[in-house]
Amino acid sequence: MEIALTVLMVALVALLAAQLPGRAEQVRTAYRLGEIERRLRLVMDQLGVMDTSPLPAEVREHLARGDKIKAIAAYRKATGADLRSAKEAVETYGGQH
């Protein structure tokens, strides 16, 4: 009985693990998303469209205190952005306000 339960648990874990996206797929997805964001920024710049969406409150608080590194970290945590995108967003906002 215990052996059957152990085999069933191992099979269940294997099935669940097979459903998770692989590391390579995650890297490809992150790259593609980064490219889409980059191209969208280019189009918006070309059209003169300003992104007026506010930064998260925590990011604004860090910027108000002059702590850009913590602001970038907070932006990444809140949005899931990569380091370069977060840095650009924080610097853009910091330069405007």
PDB file of N, CA and C in Angstrom:
ATOM      1  N   MET A   1       0.822  -1.196   0.000  1.00  0.00           N
ATOM      2  CA  MET A   1       0.000   0.000   0.000  1.00  0.00           C
ATOM      3  C   MET A   1       0.864   1.257   0.000  1.00  0.00           C
ATOM      4  N   GLU A   2       1.914   1.271   0.835  1.00  0.00           N
ATOM      5  CA  GLU A   2       2.790   2.427   0.898  1.00  0.00           C
ATOM      6  C   GLU A   2       3.554   2.617  -0.402  1.00  0.00           C
ATOM      7  N   ILE A   3       3.942   1.529  -1.036  1.00  0.00           N
ATOM      8  CA  ILE A   3       4.680   1.610  -2.304  1.00  0.00           C
ATOM      9  C   ILE A   3       3.779   2.197  -3.388  1.00  0.00           C
ATOM     10  N   ALA A   4       2.540   1.767  -3.434  1.00  0.00           N
ATOM     11  CA  ALA A   4       1.598   2.286  -4.426  1.00  0.00           C
ATOM     12  C   ALA A   4       1.369   3.776  -4.216  1.00  0.00           C
ATOM     13  N   LEU A   5       1.246   4.186  -2.968  1.00  0.00           N
ATOM     14  CA  LEU A   5       1.052   5.602  -2.662  1.00  0.00           C
ATOM     15  C   LEU A   5       2.291   6.413  -3.056  1.00  0.00           C
ATOM     16  N   THR A   6       3.459   5.880  -2.804  1.00  0.00           N
ATOM     17  CA  THR A   6       4.706   6.556  -3.171  1.00  0.00           C
ATOM     18  C   THR A   6       4.816   6.692  -4.685  1.00  0.00           C
ATOM     19  N   VAL A   7       4.508   5.637  -5.400  1.00  0.00           N
ATOM     20  CA  VAL A   7       4.560   5.674  -6.866  1.00  0.00           C
ATOM     21  C   VAL A   7       3.550   6.682  -7.396  1.00  0.00           C
ATOM     22  N   LEU A   8       2.367   6.719  -6.826  1.00  0.00           N
ATOM     23  CA  LEU A   8       1.344   7.677  -7.238  1.00  0.00           C
ATOM     24  C   LEU A   8       1.797   9.112  -6.989  1.00  0.00           C
ATOM     25  N   MET A   9       2.415   9.359  -5.845  1.00  0.00           N
ATOM     26  CA  MET A   9       2.911  10.703  -5.528  1.00  0.00           C
ATOM     27  C   MET A   9       4.021  11.117  -6.492  1.00  0.00           C
ATOM     28  N   VAL A  10       4.929  10.213  -6.806  1.00  0.00           N
ATOM     29  CA  VAL A  10       6.010  10.515  -7.746  1.00  0.00           C
ATOM     30  C   VAL A  10       5.435  10.822  -9.126  1.00  0.00           C
ATOM     31  N   ALA A  11       4.454  10.063  -9.545  1.00  0.00           N
ATOM     32  CA  ALA A  11       3.816  10.303 -10.844  1.00  0.00           C
ATOM     33  C   ALA A  11       3.110  11.660 -10.854  1.00  0.00           C
ATOM     34  N   LEU A  12       2.447  12.000  -9.773  1.00  0.00           N
ATOM     35  CA  LEU A  12       1.760  13.282  -9.677  1.00  0.00           C
ATOM     36  C   LEU A  12       2.753  14.445  -9.737  1.00  0.00           C
ATOM     37  N   VAL A  13       3.840  14.338  -9.011  1.00  0.00           N
ATOM     38  CA  VAL A  13       4.872  15.382  -9.038  1.00  0.00           C
ATOM     39  C   VAL A  13       5.465  15.505 -10.438  1.00  0.00           C
ATOM     40  N   ALA A  14       5.709  14.392 -11.096  1.00  0.00           N
ATOM     41  CA  ALA A  14       6.262  14.420 -12.459  1.00  0.00           C
ATOM     42  C   ALA A  14       5.293  15.094 -13.426  1.00  0.00           C
ATOM     43  N   LEU A  15       4.015  14.812 -13.300  1.00  0.00           N
ATOM     44  CA  LEU A  15       3.021  15.452 -14.159  1.00  0.00           C
ATOM     45  C   LEU A  15       2.945  16.950 -13.911  1.00  0.00           C
ATOM     46  N   LEU A  16       2.985  17.356 -12.659  1.00  0.00           N
ATOM     47  CA  LEU A  16       2.963  18.776 -12.339  1.00  0.00           C
ATOM     48  C   LEU A  16       4.219  19.479 -12.853  1.00  0.00           C
ATOM     49  N   ALA A  17       5.359  18.850 -12.705  1.00  0.00           N
ATOM     50  CA  ALA A  17       6.612  19.438 -13.179  1.00  0.00           C
ATOM     51  C   ALA A  17       6.610  19.584 -14.695  1.00  0.00           C
ATOM     52  N   ALA A  18       5.974  18.660 -15.378  1.00  0.00           N
ATOM     53  CA  ALA A  18       5.915  18.730 -16.841  1.00  0.00           C
ATOM     54  C   ALA A  18       5.065  19.903 -17.317  1.00  0.00           C
ATOM     55  N   GLN A  19       4.146  20.370 -16.479  1.00  0.00           N
ATOM     56  CA  GLN A  19       3.278  21.482 -16.845  1.00  0.00           C
ATOM     57  C   GLN A  19       3.965  22.836 -16.706  1.00  0.00           C
ATOM     58  N   LEU A  20       5.030  22.909 -15.922  1.00  0.00           N
ATOM     59  CA  LEU A  20       5.732  24.167 -15.715  1.00  0.00           C
ATOM     60  C   LEU A  20       6.534  24.549 -16.956  1.00  0.00           C
ATOM     61  N   PRO A  21       6.545  25.839 -17.299  1.00  0.00           N
ATOM     62  CA  PRO A  21       7.348  26.241 -18.453  1.00  0.00           C
ATOM     63  C   PRO A  21       8.828  26.078 -18.139  1.00  0.00           C
ATOM     64  N   GLY A  22       9.570  25.663 -19.129  1.00  0.00           N
ATOM     65  CA  GLY A  22      11.000  25.473 -18.949  1.00  0.00           C
ATOM     66  C   GLY A  22      11.732  26.804 -18.890  1.00  0.00           C
ATOM     67  N   ARG A  23      12.943  26.764 -18.406  1.00  0.00           N
ATOM     68  CA  ARG A  23      13.756  27.977 -18.282  1.00  0.00           C
ATOM     69  C   ARG A  23      13.978  28.617 -19.647  1.00  0.00           C
ATOM     70  N   ALA A  24      14.225  27.820 -20.663  1.00  0.00           N
ATOM     71  CA  ALA A  24      14.453  28.365 -22.003  1.00  0.00           C
ATOM     72  C   ALA A  24      13.209  29.105 -22.506  1.00  0.00           C
ATOM     73  N   GLU A  25      12.047  28.553 -22.228  1.00  0.00           N
ATOM     74  CA  GLU A  25      10.800  29.202 -22.650  1.00  0.00           C
ATOM     75  C   GLU A  25      10.598  30.525 -21.907  1.00  0.00           C
ATOM     76  N   GLN A  26      10.941  30.556 -20.637  1.00  0.00           N
ATOM     77  CA  GLN A  26      10.829  31.785 -19.864  1.00  0.00           C
ATOM     78  C   GLN A  26      11.770  32.860 -20.405  1.00  0.00           C
ATOM     79  N   VAL A  27      12.974  32.458 -20.769  1.00  0.00           N
ATOM     80  CA  VAL A  27      13.941  33.406 -21.316  1.00  0.00           C
ATOM     81  C   VAL A  27      13.445  33.945 -22.652  1.00  0.00           C
ATOM     82  N   ARG A  28      12.919  33.082 -23.514  1.00  0.00           N
ATOM     83  CA  ARG A  28      12.382  33.522 -24.807  1.00  0.00           C
ATOM     84  C   ARG A  28      11.212  34.484 -24.612  1.00  0.00           C
ATOM     85  N   THR A  29      10.333  34.155 -23.684  1.00  0.00           N
ATOM     86  CA  THR A  29       9.182  35.017 -23.422  1.00  0.00           C
ATOM     87  C   THR A  29       9.626  36.378 -22.900  1.00  0.00           C
ATOM     88  N   ALA A  30      10.574  36.389 -21.979  1.00  0.00           N
ATOM     89  CA  ALA A  30      11.079  37.652 -21.438  1.00  0.00           C
ATOM     90  C   ALA A  30      11.739  38.479 -22.540  1.00  0.00           C
ATOM     91  N   TYR A  31      12.489  37.835 -23.425  1.00  0.00           N
ATOM     92  CA  TYR A  31      13.134  38.543 -24.526  1.00  0.00           C
ATOM     93  C   TYR A  31      12.090  39.140 -25.471  1.00  0.00           C
ATOM     94  N   ARG A  32      11.100  38.332 -25.833  1.00  0.00           N
ATOM     95  CA  ARG A  32      10.057  38.817 -26.747  1.00  0.00           C
ATOM     96  C   ARG A  32       9.286  39.978 -26.132  1.00  0.00           C
ATOM     97  N   LEU A  33       8.963  39.883 -24.860  1.00  0.00           N
ATOM     98  CA  LEU A  33       8.255  40.966 -24.183  1.00  0.00           C
ATOM     99  C   LEU A  33       9.105  42.237 -24.158  1.00  0.00           C
ATOM    100  N   GLY A  34      10.388  42.077 -23.896  1.00  0.00           N
ATOM    101  CA  GLY A  34      11.292  43.226 -23.918  1.00  0.00           C
ATOM    102  C   GLY A  34      11.337  43.888 -25.281  1.00  0.00           C
ATOM    103  N   GLU A  35      11.371  43.077 -26.329  1.00  0.00           N
ATOM    104  CA  GLU A  35      11.375  43.612 -27.694  1.00  0.00           C
ATOM    105  C   GLU A  35      10.073  44.334 -28.012  1.00  0.00           C
ATOM    106  N   ILE A  36       8.963  43.774 -27.582  1.00  0.00           N
ATOM    107  CA  ILE A  36       7.667  44.427 -27.811  1.00  0.00           C
ATOM    108  C   ILE A  36       7.627  45.770 -27.094  1.00  0.00           C
ATOM    109  N   GLU A  37       8.091  45.800 -25.854  1.00  0.00           N
ATOM    110  CA  GLU A  37       8.103  47.057 -25.105  1.00  0.00           C
ATOM    111  C   GLU A  37       9.021  48.081 -25.771  1.00  0.00           C
ATOM    112  N   ARG A  38      10.178  47.629 -26.244  1.00  0.00           N
ATOM    113  CA  ARG A  38      11.119  48.532 -26.916  1.00  0.00           C
ATOM    114  C   ARG A  38      10.501  49.113 -28.179  1.00  0.00           C
ATOM    115  N   ARG A  39       9.871  48.280 -28.958  1.00  0.00           N
ATOM    116  CA  ARG A  39       9.245  48.749 -30.203  1.00  0.00           C
ATOM    117  C   ARG A  39       8.074  49.680 -29.915  1.00  0.00           C
ATOM    118  N   LEU A  40       7.312  49.378 -28.878  1.00  0.00           N
ATOM    119  CA  LEU A  40       6.206  50.254 -28.505  1.00  0.00           C
ATOM    120  C   LEU A  40       6.731  51.625 -28.099  1.00  0.00           C
ATOM    121  N   ARG A  41       7.831  51.653 -27.338  1.00  0.00           N
ATOM    122  CA  ARG A  41       8.438  52.940 -26.971  1.00  0.00           C
ATOM    123  C   ARG A  41       8.872  53.711 -28.205  1.00  0.00           C
ATOM    124  N   LEU A  42       9.464  53.029 -29.189  1.00  0.00           N
ATOM    125  CA  LEU A  42       9.882  53.688 -30.427  1.00  0.00           C
ATOM    126  C   LEU A  42       8.690  54.293 -31.160  1.00  0.00           C
ATOM    127  N   VAL A  43       7.603  53.541 -31.252  1.00  0.00           N
ATOM    128  CA  VAL A  43       6.405  54.037 -31.929  1.00  0.00           C
ATOM    129  C   VAL A  43       5.837  55.228 -31.171  1.00  0.00           C
ATOM    130  N   MET A  44       5.751  55.106 -29.857  1.00  0.00           N
ATOM    131  CA  MET A  44       5.213  56.203 -29.058  1.00  0.00           C
ATOM    132  C   MET A  44       6.084  57.454 -29.183  1.00  0.00           C
ATOM    133  N   ASP A  45       7.406  57.271 -29.184  1.00  0.00           N
ATOM    134  CA  ASP A  45       8.306  58.412 -29.361  1.00  0.00           C
ATOM    135  C   ASP A  45       8.110  59.048 -30.729  1.00  0.00           C
ATOM    136  N   GLN A  46       7.982  58.225 -31.750  1.00  0.00           N
ATOM    137  CA  GLN A  46       7.797  58.731 -33.113  1.00  0.00           C
ATOM    138  C   GLN A  46       6.498  59.519 -33.237  1.00  0.00           C
ATOM    139  N   LEU A  47       5.456  59.058 -32.565  1.00  0.00           N
ATOM    140  CA  LEU A  47       4.160  59.725 -32.627  1.00  0.00           C
ATOM    141  C   LEU A  47       4.040  60.876 -31.623  1.00  0.00           C
ATOM    142  N   GLY A  48       5.010  60.985 -30.747  1.00  0.00           N
ATOM    143  CA  GLY A  48       4.963  62.039 -29.742  1.00  0.00           C
ATOM    144  C   GLY A  48       3.977  61.768 -28.629  1.00  0.00           C
ATOM    145  N   VAL A  49       3.686  60.510 -28.389  1.00  0.00           N
ATOM    146  CA  VAL A  49       2.734  60.124 -27.353  1.00  0.00           C
ATOM    147  C   VAL A  49       3.484  59.969 -26.034  1.00  0.00           C
ATOM    148  N   MET A  50       2.997  60.643 -25.007  1.00  0.00           N
ATOM    149  CA  MET A  50       3.606  60.542 -23.684  1.00  0.00           C
ATOM    150  C   MET A  50       2.829  59.537 -22.851  1.00  0.00           C
ATOM    151  N   ASP A  51       3.548  58.695 -22.151  1.00  0.00           N
ATOM    152  CA  ASP A  51       2.919  57.740 -21.241  1.00  0.00           C
ATOM    153  C   ASP A  51       2.654  58.465 -19.928  1.00  0.00           C
ATOM    154  N   THR A  52       1.391  58.723 -19.653  1.00  0.00           N
ATOM    155  CA  THR A  52       1.035  59.487 -18.464  1.00  0.00           C
ATOM    156  C   THR A  52       0.680  58.607 -17.281  1.00  0.00           C
ATOM    157  N   SER A  53       0.873  57.303 -17.429  1.00  0.00           N
ATOM    158  CA  SER A  53       0.532  56.425 -16.311  1.00  0.00           C
ATOM    159  C   SER A  53       1.483  56.696 -15.149  1.00  0.00           C
ATOM    160  N   PRO A  54       0.949  56.862 -13.962  1.00  0.00           N
ATOM    161  CA  PRO A  54       1.796  57.191 -12.813  1.00  0.00           C
ATOM    162  C   PRO A  54       2.599  55.988 -12.344  1.00  0.00           C
ATOM    163  N   LEU A  55       3.718  56.294 -11.746  1.00  0.00           N
ATOM    164  CA  LEU A  55       4.517  55.236 -11.136  1.00  0.00           C
ATOM    165  C   LEU A  55       3.832  54.776  -9.855  1.00  0.00           C
ATOM    166  N   PRO A  56       4.098  53.557  -9.434  1.00  0.00           N
ATOM    167  CA  PRO A  56       3.546  53.102  -8.160  1.00  0.00           C
ATOM    168  C   PRO A  56       3.965  54.049  -7.024  1.00  0.00           C
ATOM    169  N   ALA A  57       3.137  54.161  -6.014  1.00  0.00           N
ATOM    170  CA  ALA A  57       3.365  55.098  -4.906  1.00  0.00           C
ATOM    171  C   ALA A  57       4.717  54.864  -4.236  1.00  0.00           C
ATOM    172  N   GLU A  58       5.082  53.607  -4.042  1.00  0.00           N
ATOM    173  CA  GLU A  58       6.349  53.301  -3.380  1.00  0.00           C
ATOM    174  C   GLU A  58       7.532  53.841  -4.184  1.00  0.00           C
ATOM    175  N   VAL A  59       7.440  53.754  -5.503  1.00  0.00           N
ATOM    176  CA  VAL A  59       8.513  54.258  -6.359  1.00  0.00           C
ATOM    177  C   VAL A  59       8.609  55.774  -6.220  1.00  0.00           C
ATOM    178  N   ARG A  60       7.474  56.451  -6.239  1.00  0.00           N
ATOM    179  CA  ARG A  60       7.470  57.915  -6.087  1.00  0.00           C
ATOM    180  C   ARG A  60       8.045  58.331  -4.739  1.00  0.00           C
ATOM    181  N   GLU A  61       7.743  57.552  -3.694  1.00  0.00           N
ATOM    182  CA  GLU A  61       8.271  57.866  -2.365  1.00  0.00           C
ATOM    183  C   GLU A  61       9.800  57.777  -2.343  1.00  0.00           C
ATOM    184  N   HIS A  62      10.332  56.718  -2.947  1.00  0.00           N
ATOM    185  CA  HIS A  62      11.790  56.574  -2.995  1.00  0.00           C
ATOM    186  C   HIS A  62      12.421  57.711  -3.797  1.00  0.00           C
ATOM    187  N   LEU A  63      11.796  58.086  -4.897  1.00  0.00           N
ATOM    188  CA  LEU A  63      12.322  59.186  -5.694  1.00  0.00           C
ATOM    189  C   LEU A  63      12.275  60.504  -4.926  1.00  0.00           C
ATOM    190  N   ALA A  64      11.214  60.720  -4.170  1.00  0.00           N
ATOM    191  CA  ALA A  64      11.091  61.952  -3.392  1.00  0.00           C
ATOM    192  C   ALA A  64      12.208  62.061  -2.359  1.00  0.00           C
ATOM    193  N   ARG A  65      12.655  60.911  -1.849  1.00  0.00           N
ATOM    194  CA  ARG A  65      13.760  60.900  -0.887  1.00  0.00           C
ATOM    195  C   ARG A  65      15.114  60.925  -1.589  1.00  0.00           C
ATOM    196  N   GLY A  66      15.096  60.837  -2.918  1.00  0.00           N
ATOM    197  CA  GLY A  66      16.343  60.859  -3.676  1.00  0.00           C
ATOM    198  C   GLY A  66      17.045  59.516  -3.761  1.00  0.00           C
ATOM    199  N   ASP A  67      16.334  58.446  -3.479  1.00  0.00           N
ATOM    200  CA  ASP A  67      16.931  57.107  -3.504  1.00  0.00           C
ATOM    201  C   ASP A  67      16.536  56.395  -4.798  1.00  0.00           C
ATOM    202  N   LYS A  68      17.287  56.671  -5.844  1.00  0.00           N
ATOM    203  CA  LYS A  68      16.955  56.143  -7.168  1.00  0.00           C
ATOM    204  C   LYS A  68      17.091  54.621  -7.239  1.00  0.00           C
ATOM    205  N   ILE A  69      18.088  54.065  -6.572  1.00  0.00           N
ATOM    206  CA  ILE A  69      18.296  52.611  -6.628  1.00  0.00           C
ATOM    207  C   ILE A  69      17.110  51.872  -6.010  1.00  0.00           C
ATOM    208  N   LYS A  70      16.635  52.348  -4.865  1.00  0.00           N
ATOM    209  CA  LYS A  70      15.461  51.710  -4.248  1.00  0.00           C
ATOM    210  C   LYS A  70      14.216  51.930  -5.099  1.00  0.00           C
ATOM    211  N   ALA A  71      14.142  53.071  -5.769  1.00  0.00           N
ATOM    212  CA  ALA A  71      13.004  53.339  -6.652  1.00  0.00           C
ATOM    213  C   ALA A  71      13.001  52.356  -7.817  1.00  0.00           C
ATOM    214  N   ILE A  72      14.166  52.097  -8.383  1.00  0.00           N
ATOM    215  CA  ILE A  72      14.260  51.137  -9.491  1.00  0.00           C
ATOM    216  C   ILE A  72      13.883  49.744  -9.010  1.00  0.00           C
ATOM    217  N   ALA A  73      14.382  49.355  -7.835  1.00  0.00           N
ATOM    218  CA  ALA A  73      14.044  48.035  -7.287  1.00  0.00           C
ATOM    219  C   ALA A  73      12.541  47.922  -7.031  1.00  0.00           C
ATOM    220  N   ALA A  74      11.947  48.979  -6.498  1.00  0.00           N
ATOM    221  CA  ALA A  74      10.503  48.954  -6.236  1.00  0.00           C
ATOM    222  C   ALA A  74       9.716  48.882  -7.540  1.00  0.00           C
ATOM    223  N   TYR A  75      10.184  49.592  -8.562  1.00  0.00           N
ATOM    224  CA  TYR A  75       9.514  49.554  -9.866  1.00  0.00           C
ATOM    225  C   TYR A  75       9.570  48.143 -10.448  1.00  0.00           C
ATOM    226  N   ARG A  76      10.729  47.515 -10.368  1.00  0.00           N
ATOM    227  CA  ARG A  76      10.871  46.146 -10.882  1.00  0.00           C
ATOM    228  C   ARG A  76       9.948  45.192 -10.138  1.00  0.00           C
ATOM    229  N   LYS A  77       9.878  45.351  -8.817  1.00  0.00           N
ATOM    230  CA  LYS A  77       9.026  44.464  -8.021  1.00  0.00           C
ATOM    231  C   LYS A  77       7.551  44.659  -8.369  1.00  0.00           C
ATOM    232  N   ALA A  78       7.149  45.909  -8.560  1.00  0.00           N
ATOM    233  CA  ALA A  78       5.742  46.213  -8.827  1.00  0.00           C
ATOM    234  C   ALA A  78       5.316  45.827 -10.235  1.00  0.00           C
ATOM    235  N   THR A  79       6.233  45.966 -11.207  1.00  0.00           N
ATOM    236  CA  THR A  79       5.847  45.769 -12.601  1.00  0.00           C
ATOM    237  C   THR A  79       6.413  44.516 -13.241  1.00  0.00           C
ATOM    238  N   GLY A  80       7.453  43.962 -12.656  1.00  0.00           N
ATOM    239  CA  GLY A  80       8.101  42.805 -13.265  1.00  0.00           C
ATOM    240  C   GLY A  80       9.010  43.191 -14.420  1.00  0.00           C
ATOM    241  N   ALA A  81       9.326  44.468 -14.543  1.00  0.00           N
ATOM    242  CA  ALA A  81      10.169  44.953 -15.639  1.00  0.00           C
ATOM    243  C   ALA A  81      11.607  44.507 -15.444  1.00  0.00           C
ATOM    244  N   ASP A  82      12.349  44.451 -16.555  1.00  0.00           N
ATOM    245  CA  ASP A  82      13.772  44.145 -16.447  1.00  0.00           C
ATOM    246  C   ASP A  82      14.507  45.387 -15.932  1.00  0.00           C
ATOM    247  N   LEU A  83      15.772  45.211 -15.600  1.00  0.00           N
ATOM    248  CA  LEU A  83      16.539  46.289 -14.977  1.00  0.00           C
ATOM    249  C   LEU A  83      16.627  47.524 -15.868  1.00  0.00           C
ATOM    250  N   ARG A  84      16.915  47.316 -17.147  1.00  0.00           N
ATOM    251  CA  ARG A  84      17.069  48.455 -18.059  1.00  0.00           C
ATOM    252  C   ARG A  84      15.767  49.239 -18.200  1.00  0.00           C
ATOM    253  N   SER A  85      14.659  48.538 -18.386  1.00  0.00           N
ATOM    254  CA  SER A  85      13.361  49.212 -18.524  1.00  0.00           C
ATOM    255  C   SER A  85      12.984  49.962 -17.256  1.00  0.00           C
ATOM    256  N   ALA A  86      13.243  49.338 -16.108  1.00  0.00           N
ATOM    257  CA  ALA A  86      12.924  49.982 -14.840  1.00  0.00           C
ATOM    258  C   ALA A  86      13.767  51.236 -14.650  1.00  0.00           C
ATOM    259  N   LYS A  87      15.046  51.146 -14.982  1.00  0.00           N
ATOM    260  CA  LYS A  87      15.939  52.297 -14.853  1.00  0.00           C
ATOM    261  C   LYS A  87      15.474  53.434 -15.755  1.00  0.00           C
ATOM    262  N   GLU A  88      15.116  53.106 -16.998  1.00  0.00           N
ATOM    263  CA  GLU A  88      14.647  54.131 -17.933  1.00  0.00           C
ATOM    264  C   GLU A  88      13.358  54.783 -17.430  1.00  0.00           C
ATOM    265  N   ALA A  89      12.430  53.968 -16.933  1.00  0.00           N
ATOM    266  CA  ALA A  89      11.159  54.510 -16.449  1.00  0.00           C
ATOM    267  C   ALA A  89      11.360  55.423 -15.257  1.00  0.00           C
ATOM    268  N   VAL A  90      12.192  55.003 -14.322  1.00  0.00           N
ATOM    269  CA  VAL A  90      12.439  55.803 -13.121  1.00  0.00           C
ATOM    270  C   VAL A  90      13.179  57.091 -13.480  1.00  0.00           C
ATOM    271  N   GLU A  91      14.163  56.995 -14.371  1.00  0.00           N
ATOM    272  CA  GLU A  91      14.906  58.197 -14.776  1.00  0.00           C
ATOM    273  C   GLU A  91      14.011  59.165 -15.549  1.00  0.00           C
ATOM    274  N   THR A  92      13.136  58.635 -16.378  1.00  0.00           N
ATOM    275  CA  THR A  92      12.220  59.493 -17.137  1.00  0.00           C
ATOM    276  C   THR A  92      11.300  60.230 -16.173  1.00  0.00           C
ATOM    277  N   TYR A  93      10.728  59.516 -15.238  1.00  0.00           N
ATOM    278  CA  TYR A  93       9.824  60.148 -14.282  1.00  0.00           C
ATOM    279  C   TYR A  93      10.581  61.118 -13.384  1.00  0.00           C
ATOM    280  N   GLY A  94      11.752  60.708 -12.941  1.00  0.00           N
ATOM    281  CA  GLY A  94      12.561  61.561 -12.067  1.00  0.00           C
ATOM    282  C   GLY A  94      12.976  62.844 -12.754  1.00  0.00           C
ATOM    283  N   GLY A  95      13.175  62.810 -14.057  1.00  0.00           N
ATOM    284  CA  GLY A  95      13.546  64.008 -14.796  1.00  0.00           C
ATOM    285  C   GLY A  95      12.378  64.948 -15.016  1.00  0.00           C
ATOM    286  N   GLN A  96      11.156  64.419 -14.989  1.00  0.00           N
ATOM    287  CA  GLN A  96       9.964  65.239 -15.224  1.00  0.00           C
ATOM    288  C   GLN A  96       9.478  65.903 -13.953  1.00  0.00           C
ATOM    289  N   HIS A  97       9.733  65.286 -12.798  1.00  0.00           N
ATOM    290  CA  HIS A  97       9.163  65.804 -11.545  1.00  0.00           C
ATOM    291  C   HIS A  97      10.253  66.157 -10.561  1.00  0.00           C
TER     292      HIS A  97
END
